[in-house]
Amino acid sequence: VRTFQIARGFPRLSVLENLMLYGARQPGESLPLAILPSRAARARE
Protein backbone atom coordinates (compact mmCIF):
# COMPACT_ATOMS: atom_id res chain seq x y z
CA VAL A 1 0.00 0.00 0.00
CA ARG A 2 1.15 3.59 -0.54
CA THR A 3 0.46 7.04 0.81
CA PHE A 4 0.49 10.31 -1.10
CA GLN A 5 2.50 13.49 -0.78
CA ILE A 6 -0.74 15.47 -0.47
CA ALA A 7 -2.88 13.72 2.13
CA ARG A 8 -6.03 12.21 0.65
CA GLY A 9 -9.23 10.90 2.15
CA PHE A 10 -12.76 12.13 2.74
CA PRO A 11 -12.60 15.60 4.29
CA ARG A 12 -16.15 15.63 5.70
CA LEU A 13 -15.84 12.23 7.35
CA SER A 14 -14.35 11.90 10.82
CA VAL A 15 -10.93 10.49 11.52
CA LEU A 16 -12.48 7.21 12.70
CA GLU A 17 -14.73 6.97 9.65
CA ASN A 18 -11.77 7.54 7.34
CA LEU A 19 -9.84 4.78 9.10
CA MET A 20 -12.76 2.35 9.00
CA LEU A 21 -13.20 2.82 5.25
CA TYR A 22 -9.71 1.41 4.63
CA GLY A 23 -10.26 -1.80 6.57
CA ALA A 24 -10.40 -5.07 4.64
CA ARG A 25 -13.62 -7.06 4.05
CA GLN A 26 -16.03 -4.13 4.16
CA PRO A 27 -19.60 -5.43 4.58
CA GLY A 28 -21.01 -2.18 3.21
CA GLU A 29 -19.44 -2.90 -0.20
CA SER A 30 -22.37 -5.26 -0.81
CA LEU A 31 -25.56 -3.28 -1.56
CA PRO A 32 -27.94 -5.78 0.11
CA LEU A 33 -25.80 -5.85 3.26
CA ALA A 34 -25.53 -2.07 3.27
CA ILE A 35 -29.34 -1.82 3.28
CA LEU A 36 -30.11 -4.79 5.54
CA PRO A 37 -26.90 -5.71 7.40
CA SER A 38 -26.65 -9.27 8.65
CA ARG A 39 -25.37 -10.23 12.09
CA ALA A 40 -21.98 -11.03 10.53
CA ALA A 41 -21.90 -7.64 8.79
CA ARG A 42 -22.67 -5.82 12.04
CA ALA A 43 -19.97 -7.83 13.80
CA ARG A 44 -17.45 -6.89 11.12
CA GLU A 45 -18.38 -3.20 11.44
ModelCIF file with pLDDT and N, C-alpha, C, O atoms, coordinates in Angstrom:
data_MODEL
#
_entry.id   MODEL 
#
_entity.id                         1 
_entity.type                       polymer 
_entity.pdbx_number_of_molecules   1 
#
_entity_poly.entity_id                      1 
_entity_poly.type                           'polypeptide(L)' 
_entity_poly.nstd_linkage                   no 
_entity_poly.nstd_monomer                   no 
_entity_poly.pdbx_seq_one_letter_code       VRTFQIARGFPRLSVLENLMLYGARQPGESLPLAILPSRAARARE 
_entity_poly.pdbx_seq_one_letter_code_can   VRTFQIARGFPRLSVLENLMLYGARQPGESLPLAILPSRAARARE 
_entity_poly.pdbx_strand_id                 A 
#
loop_
_entity_poly_seq.entity_id 
_entity_poly_seq.num 
_entity_poly_seq.mon_id 
_entity_poly_seq.hetero 
1 1  VAL n 
1 2  ARG n 
1 3  THR n 
1 4  PHE n 
1 5  GLN n 
1 6  ILE n 
1 7  ALA n 
1 8  ARG n 
1 9  GLY n 
1 10 PHE n 
1 11 PRO n 
1 12 ARG n 
1 13 LEU n 
1 14 SER n 
1 15 VAL n 
1 16 LEU n 
1 17 GLU n 
1 18 ASN n 
1 19 LEU n 
1 20 MET n 
1 21 LEU n 
1 22 TYR n 
1 23 GLY n 
1 24 ALA n 
1 25 ARG n 
1 26 GLN n 
1 27 PRO n 
1 28 GLY n 
1 29 GLU n 
1 30 SER n 
1 31 LEU n 
1 32 PRO n 
1 33 LEU n 
1 34 ALA n 
1 35 ILE n 
1 36 LEU n 
1 37 PRO n 
1 38 SER n 
1 39 ARG n 
1 40 ALA n 
1 41 ALA n 
1 42 ARG n 
1 43 ALA n 
1 44 ARG n 
1 45 GLU n 
#
_struct_asym.id          A 
_struct_asym.entity_id   1 
#
loop_
_ma_qa_metric.id 
_ma_qa_metric.mode 
_ma_qa_metric.name 
_ma_qa_metric.software_group_id 
_ma_qa_metric.type 
1 global pLDDT . pLDDT 
2 local  pLDDT . pLDDT 
#
_ma_qa_metric_global.metric_id      1 
_ma_qa_metric_global.metric_value   76.07 
_ma_qa_metric_global.model_id       1 
_ma_qa_metric_global.ordinal_id     1 
#
loop_
_ma_qa_metric_local.label_asym_id 
_ma_qa_metric_local.label_comp_id 
_ma_qa_metric_local.label_seq_id 
_ma_qa_metric_local.metric_id 
_ma_qa_metric_local.metric_value 
_ma_qa_metric_local.model_id 
_ma_qa_metric_local.ordinal_id 
A VAL 1  2 96.00 1 1  
A ARG 2  2 95.00 1 2  
A THR 3  2 92.00 1 3  
A PHE 4  2 87.00 1 4  
A GLN 5  2 78.00 1 5  
A ILE 6  2 75.00 1 6  
A ALA 7  2 72.00 1 7  
A ARG 8  2 71.00 1 8  
A GLY 9  2 74.00 1 9  
A PHE 10 2 82.00 1 10 
A PRO 11 2 87.00 1 11 
A ARG 12 2 89.00 1 12 
A LEU 13 2 92.00 1 13 
A SER 14 2 94.00 1 14 
A VAL 15 2 95.00 1 15 
A LEU 16 2 94.00 1 16 
A GLU 17 2 92.00 1 17 
A ASN 18 2 93.00 1 18 
A LEU 19 2 94.00 1 19 
A MET 20 2 90.00 1 20 
A LEU 21 2 86.00 1 21 
A TYR 22 2 84.00 1 22 
A GLY 23 2 79.00 1 23 
A ALA 24 2 72.00 1 24 
A ARG 25 2 68.00 1 25 
A GLN 26 2 64.00 1 26 
A PRO 27 2 60.00 1 27 
A GLY 28 2 58.00 1 28 
A GLU 29 2 57.00 1 29 
A SER 30 2 59.00 1 30 
A LEU 31 2 59.00 1 31 
A PRO 32 2 63.00 1 32 
A LEU 33 2 58.00 1 33 
A ALA 34 2 60.00 1 34 
A ILE 35 2 64.00 1 35 
A LEU 36 2 59.00 1 36 
A PRO 37 2 64.00 1 37 
A SER 38 2 66.00 1 38 
A ARG 39 2 73.00 1 39 
A ALA 40 2 69.00 1 40 
A ALA 41 2 65.00 1 41 
A ARG 42 2 71.00 1 42 
A ALA 43 2 75.00 1 43 
A ARG 44 2 70.00 1 44 
A GLU 45 2 78.00 1 45 
#
loop_
_atom_site.group_PDB 
_atom_site.id 
_atom_site.type_symbol 
_atom_site.label_atom_id 
_atom_site.label_alt_id 
_atom_site.label_comp_id 
_atom_site.label_asym_id 
_atom_site.label_entity_id 
_atom_site.label_seq_id 
_atom_site.pdbx_PDB_ins_code 
_atom_site.Cartn_x 
_atom_site.Cartn_y 
_atom_site.Cartn_z 
_atom_site.occupancy 
_atom_site.B_iso_or_equiv 
_atom_site.pdbx_formal_charge 
_atom_site.auth_seq_id 
_atom_site.auth_comp_id 
_atom_site.auth_asym_id 
_atom_site.auth_atom_id 
_atom_site.pdbx_PDB_model_num 
ATOM 1   N N  . VAL A 1 1  ? 0.850   -1.188  0.000  1.00 96.00 ? 1  VAL A N  1 
ATOM 2   C CA . VAL A 1 1  ? 0.000   0.000   0.000  1.00 96.00 ? 1  VAL A CA 1 
ATOM 3   C C  . VAL A 1 1  ? 0.884   1.236   0.000  1.00 96.00 ? 1  VAL A C  1 
ATOM 4   O O  . VAL A 1 1  ? 2.031   1.183   0.445  1.00 96.00 ? 1  VAL A O  1 
ATOM 5   N N  . ARG A 1 2  ? 0.351   2.359   -0.502 1.00 95.00 ? 2  ARG A N  1 
ATOM 6   C CA . ARG A 1 2  ? 1.147   3.586   -0.543 1.00 95.00 ? 2  ARG A CA 1 
ATOM 7   C C  . ARG A 1 2  ? 0.338   4.743   0.010  1.00 95.00 ? 2  ARG A C  1 
ATOM 8   O O  . ARG A 1 2  ? -0.892  4.709   0.041  1.00 95.00 ? 2  ARG A O  1 
ATOM 9   N N  . THR A 1 3  ? 1.061   5.773   0.447  1.00 92.00 ? 3  THR A N  1 
ATOM 10  C CA . THR A 1 3  ? 0.458   7.039   0.813  1.00 92.00 ? 3  THR A CA 1 
ATOM 11  C C  . THR A 1 3  ? 0.861   8.079   -0.222 1.00 92.00 ? 3  THR A C  1 
ATOM 12  O O  . THR A 1 3  ? 1.683   7.814   -1.099 1.00 92.00 ? 3  THR A O  1 
ATOM 13  N N  . PHE A 1 4  ? 0.274   9.261   -0.109 1.00 87.00 ? 4  PHE A N  1 
ATOM 14  C CA . PHE A 1 4  ? 0.492   10.305  -1.100 1.00 87.00 ? 4  PHE A CA 1 
ATOM 15  C C  . PHE A 1 4  ? 1.115   11.533  -0.449 1.00 87.00 ? 4  PHE A C  1 
ATOM 16  O O  . PHE A 1 4  ? 0.935   11.789  0.741  1.00 87.00 ? 4  PHE A O  1 
ATOM 17  N N  . GLN A 1 5  ? 1.846   12.277  -1.256 1.00 78.00 ? 5  GLN A N  1 
ATOM 18  C CA . GLN A 1 5  ? 2.504   13.489  -0.775 1.00 78.00 ? 5  GLN A CA 1 
ATOM 19  C C  . GLN A 1 5  ? 1.482   14.478  -0.232 1.00 78.00 ? 5  GLN A C  1 
ATOM 20  O O  . GLN A 1 5  ? 1.690   15.077  0.822  1.00 78.00 ? 5  GLN A O  1 
ATOM 21  N N  . ILE A 1 6  ? 0.380   14.647  -0.952 1.00 75.00 ? 6  ILE A N  1 
ATOM 22  C CA . ILE A 1 6  ? -0.736  15.467  -0.467 1.00 75.00 ? 6  ILE A CA 1 
ATOM 23  C C  . ILE A 1 6  ? -1.758  14.512  0.125  1.00 75.00 ? 6  ILE A C  1 
ATOM 24  O O  . ILE A 1 6  ? -2.304  13.662  -0.578 1.00 75.00 ? 6  ILE A O  1 
ATOM 25  N N  . ALA A 1 7  ? -2.019  14.653  1.424  1.00 72.00 ? 7  ALA A N  1 
ATOM 26  C CA . ALA A 1 7  ? -2.880  13.715  2.128  1.00 72.00 ? 7  ALA A CA 1 
ATOM 27  C C  . ALA A 1 7  ? -4.252  13.658  1.475  1.00 72.00 ? 7  ALA A C  1 
ATOM 28  O O  . ALA A 1 7  ? -4.857  14.686  1.169  1.00 72.00 ? 7  ALA A O  1 
ATOM 29  N N  . ARG A 1 8  ? -4.735  12.425  1.267  1.00 71.00 ? 8  ARG A N  1 
ATOM 30  C CA . ARG A 1 8  ? -6.031  12.208  0.650  1.00 71.00 ? 8  ARG A CA 1 
ATOM 31  C C  . ARG A 1 8  ? -7.022  11.719  1.694  1.00 71.00 ? 8  ARG A C  1 
ATOM 32  O O  . ARG A 1 8  ? -6.714  11.663  2.885  1.00 71.00 ? 8  ARG A O  1 
ATOM 33  N N  . GLY A 1 9  ? -8.213  11.365  1.232  1.00 74.00 ? 9  GLY A N  1 
ATOM 34  C CA . GLY A 1 9  ? -9.233  10.903  2.150  1.00 74.00 ? 9  GLY A CA 1 
ATOM 35  C C  . GLY A 1 9  ? -10.538 11.638  1.904  1.00 74.00 ? 9  GLY A C  1 
ATOM 36  O O  . GLY A 1 9  ? -10.715 12.293  0.877  1.00 74.00 ? 9  GLY A O  1 
ATOM 37  N N  . PHE A 1 10 ? -11.439 11.521  2.851  1.00 82.00 ? 10 PHE A N  1 
ATOM 38  C CA . PHE A 1 10 ? -12.761 12.130  2.735  1.00 82.00 ? 10 PHE A CA 1 
ATOM 39  C C  . PHE A 1 10 ? -12.855 13.243  3.768  1.00 82.00 ? 10 PHE A C  1 
ATOM 40  O O  . PHE A 1 10 ? -13.023 12.969  4.957  1.00 82.00 ? 10 PHE A O  1 
ATOM 41  N N  . PRO A 1 11 ? -12.749 14.496  3.333  1.00 87.00 ? 11 PRO A N  1 
ATOM 42  C CA . PRO A 1 11 ? -12.601 15.601  4.288  1.00 87.00 ? 11 PRO A CA 1 
ATOM 43  C C  . PRO A 1 11 ? -13.776 15.788  5.238  1.00 87.00 ? 11 PRO A C  1 
ATOM 44  O O  . PRO A 1 11 ? -13.585 16.275  6.353  1.00 87.00 ? 11 PRO A O  1 
ATOM 45  N N  . ARG A 1 12 ? -14.986 15.413  4.827  1.00 89.00 ? 12 ARG A N  1 
ATOM 46  C CA . ARG A 1 12 ? -16.145 15.626  5.700  1.00 89.00 ? 12 ARG A CA 1 
ATOM 47  C C  . ARG A 1 12 ? -16.369 14.479  6.673  1.00 89.00 ? 12 ARG A C  1 
ATOM 48  O O  . ARG A 1 12 ? -17.128 14.617  7.632  1.00 89.00 ? 12 ARG A O  1 
ATOM 49  N N  . LEU A 1 13 ? -15.714 13.344  6.432  1.00 92.00 ? 13 LEU A N  1 
ATOM 50  C CA . LEU A 1 13 ? -15.836 12.230  7.355  1.00 92.00 ? 13 LEU A CA 1 
ATOM 51  C C  . LEU A 1 13 ? -14.871 12.413  8.524  1.00 92.00 ? 13 LEU A C  1 
ATOM 52  O O  . LEU A 1 13 ? -13.849 13.088  8.405  1.00 92.00 ? 13 LEU A O  1 
ATOM 53  N N  . SER A 1 14 ? -15.213 11.804  9.643  1.00 94.00 ? 14 SER A N  1 
ATOM 54  C CA . SER A 1 14 ? -14.352 11.903  10.818 1.00 94.00 ? 14 SER A CA 1 
ATOM 55  C C  . SER A 1 14 ? -13.083 11.068  10.632 1.00 94.00 ? 14 SER A C  1 
ATOM 56  O O  . SER A 1 14 ? -12.966 10.271  9.701  1.00 94.00 ? 14 SER A O  1 
ATOM 57  N N  . VAL A 1 15 ? -12.161 11.276  11.533 1.00 95.00 ? 15 VAL A N  1 
ATOM 58  C CA . VAL A 1 15 ? -10.929 10.488  11.517 1.00 95.00 ? 15 VAL A CA 1 
ATOM 59  C C  . VAL A 1 15 ? -11.253 8.996   11.611 1.00 95.00 ? 15 VAL A C  1 
ATOM 60  O O  . VAL A 1 15 ? -10.716 8.195   10.846 1.00 95.00 ? 15 VAL A O  1 
ATOM 61  N N  . LEU A 1 16 ? -12.128 8.622   12.547 1.00 94.00 ? 16 LEU A N  1 
ATOM 62  C CA . LEU A 1 16 ? -12.484 7.206   12.705 1.00 94.00 ? 16 LEU A CA 1 
ATOM 63  C C  . LEU A 1 16 ? -13.160 6.668   11.459 1.00 94.00 ? 16 LEU A C  1 
ATOM 64  O O  . LEU A 1 16 ? -12.874 5.546   11.043 1.00 94.00 ? 16 LEU A O  1 
ATOM 65  N N  . GLU A 1 17 ? -14.048 7.440   10.855 1.00 92.00 ? 17 GLU A N  1 
ATOM 66  C CA . GLU A 1 17 ? -14.731 6.973   9.649  1.00 92.00 ? 17 GLU A CA 1 
ATOM 67  C C  . GLU A 1 17 ? -13.748 6.783   8.504  1.00 92.00 ? 17 GLU A C  1 
ATOM 68  O O  . GLU A 1 17 ? -13.857 5.819   7.747  1.00 92.00 ? 17 GLU A O  1 
ATOM 69  N N  . ASN A 1 18 ? -12.786 7.697   8.371  1.00 93.00 ? 18 ASN A N  1 
ATOM 70  C CA . ASN A 1 18 ? -11.766 7.537   7.339  1.00 93.00 ? 18 ASN A CA 1 
ATOM 71  C C  . ASN A 1 18 ? -10.968 6.262   7.564  1.00 93.00 ? 18 ASN A C  1 
ATOM 72  O O  . ASN A 1 18 ? -10.689 5.532   6.613  1.00 93.00 ? 18 ASN A O  1 
ATOM 73  N N  . LEU A 1 19 ? -10.602 5.986   8.799  1.00 94.00 ? 19 LEU A N  1 
ATOM 74  C CA . LEU A 1 19 ? -9.845  4.777   9.097  1.00 94.00 ? 19 LEU A CA 1 
ATOM 75  C C  . LEU A 1 19 ? -10.661 3.525   8.799  1.00 94.00 ? 19 LEU A C  1 
ATOM 76  O O  . LEU A 1 19 ? -10.151 2.573   8.208  1.00 94.00 ? 19 LEU A O  1 
ATOM 77  N N  . MET A 1 20 ? -11.911 3.527   9.204  1.00 90.00 ? 20 MET A N  1 
ATOM 78  C CA . MET A 1 20 ? -12.756 2.351   8.998  1.00 90.00 ? 20 MET A CA 1 
ATOM 79  C C  . MET A 1 20 ? -12.928 2.019   7.523  1.00 90.00 ? 20 MET A C  1 
ATOM 80  O O  . MET A 1 20 ? -13.003 0.848   7.153  1.00 90.00 ? 20 MET A O  1 
ATOM 81  N N  . LEU A 1 21 ? -12.990 3.042   6.684  1.00 86.00 ? 21 LEU A N  1 
ATOM 82  C CA . LEU A 1 21 ? -13.196 2.821   5.253  1.00 86.00 ? 21 LEU A CA 1 
ATOM 83  C C  . LEU A 1 21 ? -12.057 2.030   4.614  1.00 86.00 ? 21 LEU A C  1 
ATOM 84  O O  . LEU A 1 21 ? -12.252 1.382   3.586  1.00 86.00 ? 21 LEU A O  1 
ATOM 85  N N  . TYR A 1 22 ? -10.867 2.081   5.218  1.00 84.00 ? 22 TYR A N  1 
ATOM 86  C CA . TYR A 1 22 ? -9.713  1.408   4.630  1.00 84.00 ? 22 TYR A CA 1 
ATOM 87  C C  . TYR A 1 22 ? -9.524  -0.003  5.161  1.00 84.00 ? 22 TYR A C  1 
ATOM 88  O O  . TYR A 1 22 ? -8.600  -0.696  4.735  1.00 84.00 ? 22 TYR A O  1 
ATOM 89  N N  . GLY A 1 23 ? -10.361 -0.442  6.066  1.00 79.00 ? 23 GLY A N  1 
ATOM 90  C CA . GLY A 1 23 ? -10.255 -1.800  6.569  1.00 79.00 ? 23 GLY A CA 1 
ATOM 91  C C  . GLY A 1 23 ? -10.664 -2.816  5.514  1.00 79.00 ? 23 GLY A C  1 
ATOM 92  O O  . GLY A 1 23 ? -11.489 -2.529  4.646  1.00 79.00 ? 23 GLY A O  1 
ATOM 93  N N  . ALA A 1 24 ? -10.079 -4.007  5.598  1.00 72.00 ? 24 ALA A N  1 
ATOM 94  C CA . ALA A 1 24 ? -10.405 -5.072  4.644  1.00 72.00 ? 24 ALA A CA 1 
ATOM 95  C C  . ALA A 1 24 ? -11.783 -5.652  4.938  1.00 72.00 ? 24 ALA A C  1 
ATOM 96  O O  . ALA A 1 24 ? -12.319 -5.491  6.035  1.00 72.00 ? 24 ALA A O  1 
ATOM 97  N N  . ARG A 1 25 ? -12.352 -6.336  3.931  1.00 68.00 ? 25 ARG A N  1 
ATOM 98  C CA . ARG A 1 25 ? -13.620 -7.060  4.049  1.00 68.00 ? 25 ARG A CA 1 
ATOM 99  C C  . ARG A 1 25 ? -14.726 -6.144  4.564  1.00 68.00 ? 25 ARG A C  1 
ATOM 100 O O  . ARG A 1 25 ? -15.309 -6.383  5.622  1.00 68.00 ? 25 ARG A O  1 
ATOM 101 N N  . GLN A 1 26 ? -15.002 -5.096  3.798  1.00 64.00 ? 26 GLN A N  1 
ATOM 102 C CA . GLN A 1 26 ? -16.028 -4.134  4.160  1.00 64.00 ? 26 GLN A CA 1 
ATOM 103 C C  . GLN A 1 26 ? -17.419 -4.712  3.871  1.00 64.00 ? 26 GLN A C  1 
ATOM 104 O O  . GLN A 1 26 ? -17.722 -4.981  2.709  1.00 64.00 ? 26 GLN A O  1 
ATOM 105 N N  . PRO A 1 27 ? -18.261 -4.909  4.861  1.00 60.00 ? 27 PRO A N  1 
ATOM 106 C CA . PRO A 1 27 ? -19.599 -5.433  4.580  1.00 60.00 ? 27 PRO A CA 1 
ATOM 107 C C  . PRO A 1 27 ? -20.459 -4.461  3.788  1.00 60.00 ? 27 PRO A C  1 
ATOM 108 O O  . PRO A 1 27 ? -21.345 -4.888  3.048  1.00 60.00 ? 27 PRO A O  1 
ATOM 109 N N  . GLY A 1 28 ? -20.217 -3.170  3.926  1.00 58.00 ? 28 GLY A N  1 
ATOM 110 C CA . GLY A 1 28 ? -21.009 -2.178  3.206  1.00 58.00 ? 28 GLY A CA 1 
ATOM 111 C C  . GLY A 1 28 ? -20.742 -2.131  1.720  1.00 58.00 ? 28 GLY A C  1 
ATOM 112 O O  . GLY A 1 28 ? -21.451 -1.436  0.992  1.00 58.00 ? 28 GLY A O  1 
ATOM 113 N N  . GLU A 1 29 ? -19.712 -2.871  1.236  1.00 57.00 ? 29 GLU A N  1 
ATOM 114 C CA . GLU A 1 29 ? -19.441 -2.899  -0.196 1.00 57.00 ? 29 GLU A CA 1 
ATOM 115 C C  . GLU A 1 29 ? -20.480 -3.729  -0.945 1.00 57.00 ? 29 GLU A C  1 
ATOM 116 O O  . GLU A 1 29 ? -20.569 -3.653  -2.171 1.00 57.00 ? 29 GLU A O  1 
ATOM 117 N N  . SER A 1 30 ? -21.258 -4.516  -0.221 1.00 59.00 ? 30 SER A N  1 
ATOM 118 C CA . SER A 1 30 ? -22.366 -5.259  -0.812 1.00 59.00 ? 30 SER A CA 1 
ATOM 119 C C  . SER A 1 30 ? -23.651 -4.468  -0.596 1.00 59.00 ? 30 SER A C  1 
ATOM 120 O O  . SER A 1 30 ? -24.007 -4.176  0.546  1.00 59.00 ? 30 SER A O  1 
ATOM 121 N N  . LEU A 1 31 ? -24.357 -4.114  -1.675 1.00 59.00 ? 31 LEU A N  1 
ATOM 122 C CA . LEU A 1 31 ? -25.556 -3.281  -1.555 1.00 59.00 ? 31 LEU A CA 1 
ATOM 123 C C  . LEU A 1 31 ? -26.610 -3.908  -0.651 1.00 59.00 ? 31 LEU A C  1 
ATOM 124 O O  . LEU A 1 31 ? -27.156 -3.204  0.199  1.00 59.00 ? 31 LEU A O  1 
ATOM 125 N N  . PRO A 1 32 ? -26.925 -5.199  -0.789 1.00 63.00 ? 32 PRO A N  1 
ATOM 126 C CA . PRO A 1 32 ? -27.937 -5.782  0.111  1.00 63.00 ? 32 PRO A CA 1 
ATOM 127 C C  . PRO A 1 32 ? -27.543 -5.679  1.579  1.00 63.00 ? 32 PRO A C  1 
ATOM 128 O O  . PRO A 1 32 ? -28.378 -5.383  2.434  1.00 63.00 ? 32 PRO A O  1 
ATOM 129 N N  . LEU A 1 33 ? -26.240 -5.929  1.872  1.00 58.00 ? 33 LEU A N  1 
ATOM 130 C CA . LEU A 1 33 ? -25.799 -5.854  3.265  1.00 58.00 ? 33 LEU A CA 1 
ATOM 131 C C  . LEU A 1 33 ? -25.765 -4.418  3.774  1.00 58.00 ? 33 LEU A C  1 
ATOM 132 O O  . LEU A 1 33 ? -25.960 -4.169  4.964  1.00 58.00 ? 33 LEU A O  1 
ATOM 133 N N  . ALA A 1 34 ? -25.516 -3.474  2.865  1.00 60.00 ? 34 ALA A N  1 
ATOM 134 C CA . ALA A 1 34 ? -25.535 -2.072  3.270  1.00 60.00 ? 34 ALA A CA 1 
ATOM 135 C C  . ALA A 1 34 ? -26.941 -1.634  3.666  1.00 60.00 ? 34 ALA A C  1 
ATOM 136 O O  . ALA A 1 34 ? -27.110 -0.818  4.572  1.00 60.00 ? 34 ALA A O  1 
ATOM 137 N N  . ILE A 1 35 ? -27.953 -2.180  2.984  1.00 64.00 ? 35 ILE A N  1 
ATOM 138 C CA . ILE A 1 35 ? -29.343 -1.819  3.276  1.00 64.00 ? 35 ILE A CA 1 
ATOM 139 C C  . ILE A 1 35 ? -29.875 -2.600  4.476  1.00 64.00 ? 35 ILE A C  1 
ATOM 140 O O  . ILE A 1 35 ? -30.484 -2.031  5.382  1.00 64.00 ? 35 ILE A O  1 
ATOM 141 N N  . LEU A 1 36 ? -29.636 -3.911  4.466  1.00 59.00 ? 36 LEU A N  1 
ATOM 142 C CA . LEU A 1 36 ? -30.107 -4.786  5.542  1.00 59.00 ? 36 LEU A CA 1 
ATOM 143 C C  . LEU A 1 36 ? -28.925 -5.597  6.064  1.00 59.00 ? 36 LEU A C  1 
ATOM 144 O O  . LEU A 1 36 ? -28.749 -6.750  5.670  1.00 59.00 ? 36 LEU A O  1 
ATOM 145 N N  . PRO A 1 37 ? -28.115 -5.014  6.942  1.00 64.00 ? 37 PRO A N  1 
ATOM 146 C CA . PRO A 1 37 ? -26.903 -5.710  7.396  1.00 64.00 ? 37 PRO A CA 1 
ATOM 147 C C  . PRO A 1 37 ? -27.237 -6.972  8.192  1.00 64.00 ? 37 PRO A C  1 
ATOM 148 O O  . PRO A 1 37 ? -28.143 -6.979  9.025  1.00 64.00 ? 37 PRO A O  1 
ATOM 149 N N  . SER A 1 38 ? -26.496 -8.023  7.918  1.00 66.00 ? 38 SER A N  1 
ATOM 150 C CA . SER A 1 38 ? -26.645 -9.267  8.653  1.00 66.00 ? 38 SER A CA 1 
ATOM 151 C C  . SER A 1 38 ? -25.915 -9.169  9.988  1.00 66.00 ? 38 SER A C  1 
ATOM 152 O O  . SER A 1 38 ? -25.221 -8.191  10.265 1.00 66.00 ? 38 SER A O  1 
ATOM 153 N N  . ARG A 1 39 ? -26.086 -10.203 10.806 1.00 73.00 ? 39 ARG A N  1 
ATOM 154 C CA . ARG A 1 39 ? -25.372 -10.232 12.085 1.00 73.00 ? 39 ARG A CA 1 
ATOM 155 C C  . ARG A 1 39 ? -23.865 -10.233 11.843 1.00 73.00 ? 39 ARG A C  1 
ATOM 156 O O  . ARG A 1 39 ? -23.122 -9.557  12.555 1.00 73.00 ? 39 ARG A O  1 
ATOM 157 N N  . ALA A 1 40 ? -23.411 -10.989 10.842 1.00 69.00 ? 40 ALA A N  1 
ATOM 158 C CA . ALA A 1 40 ? -21.983 -11.032 10.531 1.00 69.00 ? 40 ALA A CA 1 
ATOM 159 C C  . ALA A 1 40 ? -21.483 -9.666  10.065 1.00 69.00 ? 40 ALA A C  1 
ATOM 160 O O  . ALA A 1 40 ? -20.377 -9.253  10.413 1.00 69.00 ? 40 ALA A O  1 
ATOM 161 N N  . ALA A 1 41 ? -22.309 -8.962  9.271  1.00 65.00 ? 41 ALA A N  1 
ATOM 162 C CA . ALA A 1 41 ? -21.902 -7.640  8.794  1.00 65.00 ? 41 ALA A CA 1 
ATOM 163 C C  . ALA A 1 41 ? -21.797 -6.658  9.960  1.00 65.00 ? 41 ALA A C  1 
ATOM 164 O O  . ALA A 1 41 ? -20.864 -5.857  10.013 1.00 65.00 ? 41 ALA A O  1 
ATOM 165 N N  . ARG A 1 42 ? -22.732 -6.715  10.877 1.00 71.00 ? 42 ARG A N  1 
ATOM 166 C CA . ARG A 1 42 ? -22.674 -5.825  12.043 1.00 71.00 ? 42 ARG A CA 1 
ATOM 167 C C  . ARG A 1 42 ? -21.457 -6.150  12.912 1.00 71.00 ? 42 ARG A C  1 
ATOM 168 O O  . ARG A 1 42 ? -20.822 -5.256  13.471 1.00 71.00 ? 42 ARG A O  1 
ATOM 169 N N  . ALA A 1 43 ? -21.145 -7.446  13.014 1.00 75.00 ? 43 ALA A N  1 
ATOM 170 C CA . ALA A 1 43 ? -19.970 -7.831  13.795 1.00 75.00 ? 43 ALA A CA 1 
ATOM 171 C C  . ALA A 1 43 ? -18.689 -7.322  13.152 1.00 75.00 ? 43 ALA A C  1 
ATOM 172 O O  . ALA A 1 43 ? -17.772 -6.882  13.846 1.00 75.00 ? 43 ALA A O  1 
ATOM 173 N N  . ARG A 1 44 ? -18.626 -7.381  11.815 1.00 70.00 ? 44 ARG A N  1 
ATOM 174 C CA . ARG A 1 44 ? -17.450 -6.885  11.119 1.00 70.00 ? 44 ARG A CA 1 
ATOM 175 C C  . ARG A 1 44 ? -17.320 -5.375  11.275 1.00 70.00 ? 44 ARG A C  1 
ATOM 176 O O  . ARG A 1 44 ? -16.209 -4.872  11.448 1.00 70.00 ? 44 ARG A O  1 
ATOM 177 N N  . GLU A 1 45 ? -18.418 -4.647  11.218 1.00 78.00 ? 45 GLU A N  1 
ATOM 178 C CA . GLU A 1 45 ? -18.381 -3.199  11.442 1.00 78.00 ? 45 GLU A CA 1 
ATOM 179 C C  . GLU A 1 45 ? -17.839 -2.894  12.834 1.00 78.00 ? 45 GLU A C  1 
ATOM 180 O O  . GLU A 1 45 ? -17.731 -1.728  13.212 1.00 78.00 ? 45 GLU A O  1 
#
